[in-house]
């Protein structure tokens, strides 16, 4: 996603990746470590949800703009949505497992 003003998805991916690396060095019991941990865990869910909405909108616009006789395969174009869905479902067990206490 390319934004004229504000952040882009590249910024979001880099932020979540940096937060994931930082959780290895900062304990999640402190204030700073807890905030970084929350960015790493929930930032991925928010980012992949936004990516899925953008990809869906892109496929719909591609279908609307393509002439009737032109070859356009929305099924092949939706592979990115399937991968984003898999990433979201992989994040979900990680989020629920992180809330358990010993």
C-alpha atoms as a PDB file:
ATOM      1  CA  UNK A   1       0.000   0.000   0.000  1.00  0.00           C
ATOM      2  CA  UNK A   2       1.483   3.301  -1.001  1.00  0.00           C
ATOM      3  CA  UNK A   3       0.194   6.353   0.823  1.00  0.00           C
ATOM      4  CA  UNK A   4       0.722   9.909  -0.314  1.00  0.00           C
ATOM      5  CA  UNK A   5       0.697  11.126   3.283  1.00  0.00           C
ATOM      6  CA  UNK A   6       1.298   9.061   6.376  1.00  0.00           C
ATOM      7  CA  UNK A   7       2.722   5.585   6.775  1.00  0.00           C
ATOM      8  CA  UNK A   8       2.969   2.757   4.281  1.00  0.00           C
ATOM      9  CA  UNK A   9       2.813  -0.980   4.833  1.00  0.00           C
ATOM     10  CA  UNK A  10       6.585  -1.134   4.483  1.00  0.00           C
ATOM     11  CA  UNK A  11       6.837   1.054   7.577  1.00  0.00           C
ATOM     12  CA  UNK A  12       4.382  -1.202   9.391  1.00  0.00           C
ATOM     13  CA  UNK A  13       6.197  -4.400   8.434  1.00  0.00           C
ATOM     14  CA  UNK A  14       9.523  -2.916   9.507  1.00  0.00           C
ATOM     15  CA  UNK A  15       8.015  -1.754  12.805  1.00  0.00           C
ATOM     16  CA  UNK A  16       6.522  -5.152  13.614  1.00  0.00           C
ATOM     17  CA  UNK A  17       9.766  -6.885  12.597  1.00  0.00           C
ATOM     18  CA  UNK A  18      11.849  -4.543  14.774  1.00  0.00           C
ATOM     19  CA  UNK A  19       9.468  -5.094  17.690  1.00  0.00           C
ATOM     20  CA  UNK A  20       9.779  -8.855  17.227  1.00  0.00           C
ATOM     21  CA  UNK A  21      13.566  -8.627  17.381  1.00  0.00           C
ATOM     22  CA  UNK A  22      13.400  -6.294  20.401  1.00  0.00           C
ATOM     23  CA  UNK A  23      11.282  -8.783  22.392  1.00  0.00           C
ATOM     24  CA  UNK A  24      14.312 -11.071  22.503  1.00  0.00           C
ATOM     25  CA  UNK A  25      16.269  -8.418  24.414  1.00  0.00           C
ATOM     26  CA  UNK A  26      13.600  -6.671  26.503  1.00  0.00           C
ATOM     27  CA  UNK A  27      11.651  -8.595  29.162  1.00  0.00           C
ATOM     28  CA  UNK A  28       7.871  -8.273  28.720  1.00  0.00           C
ATOM     29  CA  UNK A  29       7.445  -7.619  32.459  1.00  0.00           C
ATOM     30  CA  UNK A  30       8.684  -4.028  32.217  1.00  0.00           C
ATOM     31  CA  UNK A  31       6.802  -1.063  30.806  1.00  0.00           C
ATOM     32  CA  UNK A  32       8.959  -0.710  27.692  1.00  0.00           C
ATOM     33  CA  UNK A  33       9.181  -4.461  27.119  1.00  0.00           C
ATOM     34  CA  UNK A  34       5.422  -4.876  27.526  1.00  0.00           C
ATOM     35  CA  UNK A  35       4.717  -2.175  24.973  1.00  0.00           C
ATOM     36  CA  UNK A  36       7.176  -3.633  22.477  1.00  0.00           C
ATOM     37  CA  UNK A  37       5.709  -7.090  23.059  1.00  0.00           C
ATOM     38  CA  UNK A  38       2.177  -5.784  22.398  1.00  0.00           C
ATOM     39  CA  UNK A  39       3.349  -4.149  19.158  1.00  0.00           C
ATOM     40  CA  UNK A  40       4.970  -7.400  18.061  1.00  0.00           C
ATOM     41  CA  UNK A  41       1.937  -9.549  18.886  1.00  0.00           C
ATOM     42  CA  UNK A  42      -1.021  -7.354  17.955  1.00  0.00           C
ATOM     43  CA  UNK A  43       0.689  -5.225  15.322  1.00  0.00           C
ATOM     44  CA  UNK A  44       0.923  -8.226  13.013  1.00  0.00           C
ATOM     45  CA  UNK A  45      -2.793  -8.892  13.318  1.00  0.00           C
ATOM     46  CA  UNK A  46      -3.692  -5.285  12.543  1.00  0.00           C
ATOM     47  CA  UNK A  47      -1.212  -5.105   9.685  1.00  0.00           C
ATOM     48  CA  UNK A  48      -2.336  -8.332   8.014  1.00  0.00           C
ATOM     49  CA  UNK A  49      -6.000  -7.352   8.424  1.00  0.00           C
ATOM     50  CA  UNK A  50      -5.340  -4.053   6.668  1.00  0.00           C
ATOM     51  CA  UNK A  51      -3.398  -5.875   3.957  1.00  0.00           C
ATOM     52  CA  UNK A  52      -6.298  -8.257   3.391  1.00  0.00           C
ATOM     53  CA  UNK A  53      -8.738  -5.362   2.998  1.00  0.00           C
ATOM     54  CA  UNK A  54      -6.417  -3.651   0.528  1.00  0.00           C
ATOM     55  CA  UNK A  55      -5.935  -6.824  -1.534  1.00  0.00           C
ATOM     56  CA  UNK A  56      -9.683  -7.451  -1.656  1.00  0.00           C
ATOM     57  CA  UNK A  57     -10.326  -3.887  -2.783  1.00  0.00           C
ATOM     58  CA  UNK A  58      -7.613  -4.205  -5.436  1.00  0.00           C
ATOM     59  CA  UNK A  59      -9.141  -7.379  -6.886  1.00  0.00           C
ATOM     60  CA  UNK A  60     -12.619  -5.861  -6.960  1.00  0.00           C
ATOM     61  CA  UNK A  61     -11.355  -2.750  -8.750  1.00  0.00           C
ATOM     62  CA  UNK A  62      -9.420  -4.939 -11.197  1.00  0.00           C
ATOM     63  CA  UNK A  63     -12.602  -6.840 -12.036  1.00  0.00           C
ATOM     64  CA  UNK A  64     -14.578  -3.648 -12.490  1.00  0.00           C
ATOM     65  CA  UNK A  65     -11.989  -1.984 -14.747  1.00  0.00           C
ATOM     66  CA  UNK A  66     -11.269  -4.961 -16.969  1.00  0.00           C
ATOM     67  CA  UNK A  67     -13.372  -5.085 -20.151  1.00  0.00           C
ATOM     68  CA  UNK A  68     -15.721  -8.007 -20.623  1.00  0.00           C
ATOM     69  CA  UNK A  69     -13.648  -9.704 -23.337  1.00  0.00           C
ATOM     70  CA  UNK A  70     -10.240  -9.108 -21.728  1.00  0.00           C
ATOM     71  CA  UNK A  71      -8.631 -12.005 -19.877  1.00  0.00           C
ATOM     72  CA  UNK A  72      -8.592 -11.386 -16.124  1.00  0.00           C
ATOM     73  CA  UNK A  73      -8.482 -14.180 -13.571  1.00  0.00           C
ATOM     74  CA  UNK A  74      -9.610 -13.002 -10.132  1.00  0.00           C
ATOM     75  CA  UNK A  75      -9.028 -16.486  -8.720  1.00  0.00           C
ATOM     76  CA  UNK A  76      -5.306 -16.312  -9.455  1.00  0.00           C
ATOM     77  CA  UNK A  77      -5.230 -12.722  -8.220  1.00  0.00           C
ATOM     78  CA  UNK A  78      -6.681 -13.806  -4.875  1.00  0.00           C
ATOM     79  CA  UNK A  79      -3.708 -15.998  -3.898  1.00  0.00           C
ATOM     80  CA  UNK A  80      -2.384 -13.097  -1.803  1.00  0.00           C
ATOM     81  CA  UNK A  81      -5.636 -13.028   0.164  1.00  0.00           C
ATOM     82  CA  UNK A  82      -5.276 -16.730   0.926  1.00  0.00           C
ATOM     83  CA  UNK A  83      -1.719 -16.211   2.171  1.00  0.00           C
ATOM     84  CA  UNK A  84      -2.793 -13.257   4.321  1.00  0.00           C
ATOM     85  CA  UNK A  85      -5.576 -15.371   5.816  1.00  0.00           C
ATOM     86  CA  UNK A  86      -3.097 -18.118   6.656  1.00  0.00           C
ATOM     87  CA  UNK A  87      -0.822 -15.546   8.323  1.00  0.00           C
ATOM     88  CA  UNK A  88      -3.737 -14.242  10.389  1.00  0.00           C
ATOM     89  CA  UNK A  89      -4.671 -17.736  11.537  1.00  0.00           C
ATOM     90  CA  UNK A  90      -1.044 -18.404  12.442  1.00  0.00           C
ATOM     91  CA  UNK A  91      -0.967 -15.201  14.516  1.00  0.00           C
ATOM     92  CA  UNK A  92      -4.167 -16.093  16.365  1.00  0.00           C
ATOM     93  CA  UNK A  93      -2.823 -19.121  18.315  1.00  0.00           C
ATOM     94  CA  UNK A  94       0.292 -17.137  19.165  1.00  0.00           C
ATOM     95  CA  UNK A  95      -1.865 -14.376  20.639  1.00  0.00           C
ATOM     96  CA  UNK A  96      -4.022 -16.736  22.681  1.00  0.00           C
ATOM     97  CA  UNK A  97      -1.014 -18.700  23.951  1.00  0.00           C
ATOM     98  CA  UNK A  98       0.763 -15.528  25.055  1.00  0.00           C
ATOM     99  CA  UNK A  99      -2.023 -14.661  27.501  1.00  0.00           C
ATOM    100  CA  UNK A 100      -1.703 -17.860  29.544  1.00  0.00           C
ATOM    101  CA  UNK A 101      -0.003 -17.625  32.923  1.00  0.00           C
ATOM    102  CA  UNK A 102       2.072 -20.295  34.560  1.00  0.00           C
END
